[in-house]
Amino acid sequence: MASLSTHVLDTIHGKPAEGIVVELHRVTGVLRQFLKKTITNKDGRPVEPLCGGDLESGVYELTFLAGDYFKRTGLKLPNPPFFEEVIVRFGISDRAAHYHVPLLLSAYGYTTYRGS
């Protein structure tokens, strides 16, 4: 089965984003099935693995609670923030592969890609 990891870098402050809540969902049509919730550590990586190599082929979403994170950093944000949540939807096609989905995050933009 496929495995999944992520990490989050705060590009405003130039450091890993500690304390971002990350949720994993499986998406089937219009249904979202909650699978896991964790939080990032001082290295911007989940304190608990997102999965244990048990992901089937399919469509998934990682939801990063960016608004709460930036509020805690003391960054002055509009109300509501531009990005309250960042949702990254991606597909897993190779059940034997590892998927790494990093997030480079600021209050007004983000970038993601398939890492290694």
Protein backbone atom coordinates (compact mmCIF):
# COMPACT_ATOMS: atom_id res chain seq x y z
CA MET A 1 0.00 0.00 0.00
CA ALA A 2 1.11 3.60 -0.59
CA SER A 3 2.59 5.78 2.13
CA LEU A 4 2.27 9.53 2.56
CA SER A 5 4.26 12.29 4.23
CA THR A 6 4.29 16.09 4.26
CA HIS A 7 6.11 19.04 5.72
CA VAL A 8 5.28 22.73 5.89
CA LEU A 9 7.68 25.64 5.49
CA ASP A 10 6.65 29.15 6.55
CA THR A 11 8.05 31.36 3.77
CA ILE A 12 7.17 34.60 5.61
CA HIS A 13 9.34 33.78 8.61
CA GLY A 14 11.83 31.55 6.73
CA LYS A 15 11.47 28.50 8.94
CA PRO A 16 9.51 25.26 9.37
CA ALA A 17 5.89 25.85 10.38
CA GLU A 18 5.39 24.37 13.84
CA GLY A 19 1.85 23.85 15.12
CA ILE A 20 -0.13 23.60 11.88
CA VAL A 21 -3.06 21.21 12.15
CA VAL A 22 -3.11 18.81 9.18
CA GLU A 23 -6.06 16.63 8.24
CA LEU A 24 -6.12 13.77 5.74
CA HIS A 25 -9.29 12.84 3.86
CA ARG A 26 -10.08 10.32 1.14
CA VAL A 27 -12.34 11.74 -1.58
CA THR A 28 -14.84 9.56 -3.44
CA GLY A 29 -17.06 11.59 -5.74
CA VAL A 30 -18.54 14.32 -3.53
CA LEU A 31 -17.88 12.42 -0.28
CA ARG A 32 -14.91 13.25 1.98
CA GLN A 33 -13.93 10.53 4.43
CA PHE A 34 -11.85 11.72 7.40
CA LEU A 35 -8.79 9.51 7.96
CA LYS A 36 -6.34 11.33 10.24
CA LYS A 37 -5.62 14.55 12.10
CA THR A 38 -2.18 15.57 13.34
CA ILE A 39 -0.08 18.68 13.99
CA THR A 40 3.35 19.72 12.74
CA ASN A 41 6.41 19.66 15.00
CA LYS A 42 9.36 22.10 15.17
CA ASP A 43 10.64 20.71 11.85
CA GLY A 44 7.29 21.36 10.16
CA ARG A 45 6.59 17.62 9.91
CA PRO A 46 3.62 15.73 11.40
CA VAL A 47 4.18 14.55 14.98
CA GLU A 48 2.39 11.34 14.00
CA PRO A 49 2.65 9.63 10.59
CA LEU A 50 -0.20 10.44 8.23
CA CYS A 51 -0.52 6.76 7.40
CA GLY A 52 1.34 3.54 7.88
CA GLY A 53 1.65 2.58 4.24
CA ASP A 54 -2.02 1.67 4.09
CA LEU A 55 -3.40 4.00 1.40
CA GLU A 56 -5.28 2.51 -1.52
CA SER A 57 -5.24 4.04 -4.98
CA GLY A 58 -7.59 7.01 -5.13
CA VAL A 59 -8.02 10.71 -4.51
CA TYR A 60 -6.98 12.29 -1.21
CA GLU A 61 -6.87 15.73 0.38
CA LEU A 62 -4.51 17.26 2.88
CA THR A 63 -6.06 20.22 4.71
CA PHE A 64 -3.66 22.64 6.41
CA LEU A 65 -5.22 25.04 8.95
CA ALA A 66 -3.11 28.01 7.88
CA GLY A 67 -5.23 30.83 9.35
CA ASP A 68 -4.95 29.55 12.92
CA TYR A 69 -1.19 29.10 12.49
CA PHE A 70 -0.54 32.63 11.23
CA LYS A 71 -2.75 34.14 13.95
CA ARG A 72 -0.60 32.39 16.58
CA THR A 73 2.59 33.82 15.03
CA GLY A 74 1.26 37.32 15.67
CA LEU A 75 1.03 38.16 11.97
CA LYS A 76 -1.56 40.86 11.34
CA LEU A 77 -4.24 39.29 9.14
CA PRO A 78 -7.51 40.53 7.71
CA ASN A 79 -10.72 39.06 9.09
CA PRO A 80 -11.32 36.55 7.63
CA PRO A 81 -7.76 35.65 6.62
CA PHE A 82 -7.09 35.18 2.91
CA PHE A 83 -6.22 31.50 3.52
CA GLU A 84 -8.09 30.01 6.46
CA GLU A 85 -7.44 26.51 5.12
CA VAL A 86 -5.20 25.28 2.34
CA ILE A 87 -6.60 22.13 0.74
CA VAL A 88 -4.33 20.11 -1.52
CA ARG A 89 -6.12 17.42 -3.53
CA PHE A 90 -3.94 14.75 -5.13
CA GLY A 91 -4.18 11.27 -6.57
CA ILE A 92 -2.42 8.09 -5.52
CA SER A 93 -2.06 5.73 -8.43
CA ASP A 94 0.93 3.56 -7.46
CA ARG A 95 0.08 1.57 -4.34
CA ALA A 96 3.73 0.59 -3.88
CA ALA A 97 5.05 4.17 -3.90
CA HIS A 98 5.76 6.79 -1.29
CA TYR A 99 4.04 10.14 -1.81
CA HIS A 100 5.49 13.29 -0.25
CA VAL A 101 3.38 16.47 -0.46
CA PRO A 102 5.30 19.47 0.92
CA LEU A 103 3.72 22.89 1.39
CA LEU A 104 5.56 26.22 1.11
CA LEU A 105 3.21 28.64 2.83
CA SER A 106 2.69 32.37 3.28
CA ALA A 107 -0.42 34.33 4.29
CA TYR A 108 -1.22 35.17 0.65
CA GLY A 109 0.23 32.32 -1.38
CA TYR A 110 1.40 28.74 -1.32
CA THR A 111 3.22 26.21 -3.47
CA THR A 112 3.12 22.45 -3.37
CA TYR A 113 4.60 19.64 -5.44
CA ARG A 114 5.23 15.91 -5.34
CA GLY A 115 8.43 15.51 -3.40
CA SER A 116 10.48 12.43 -2.68
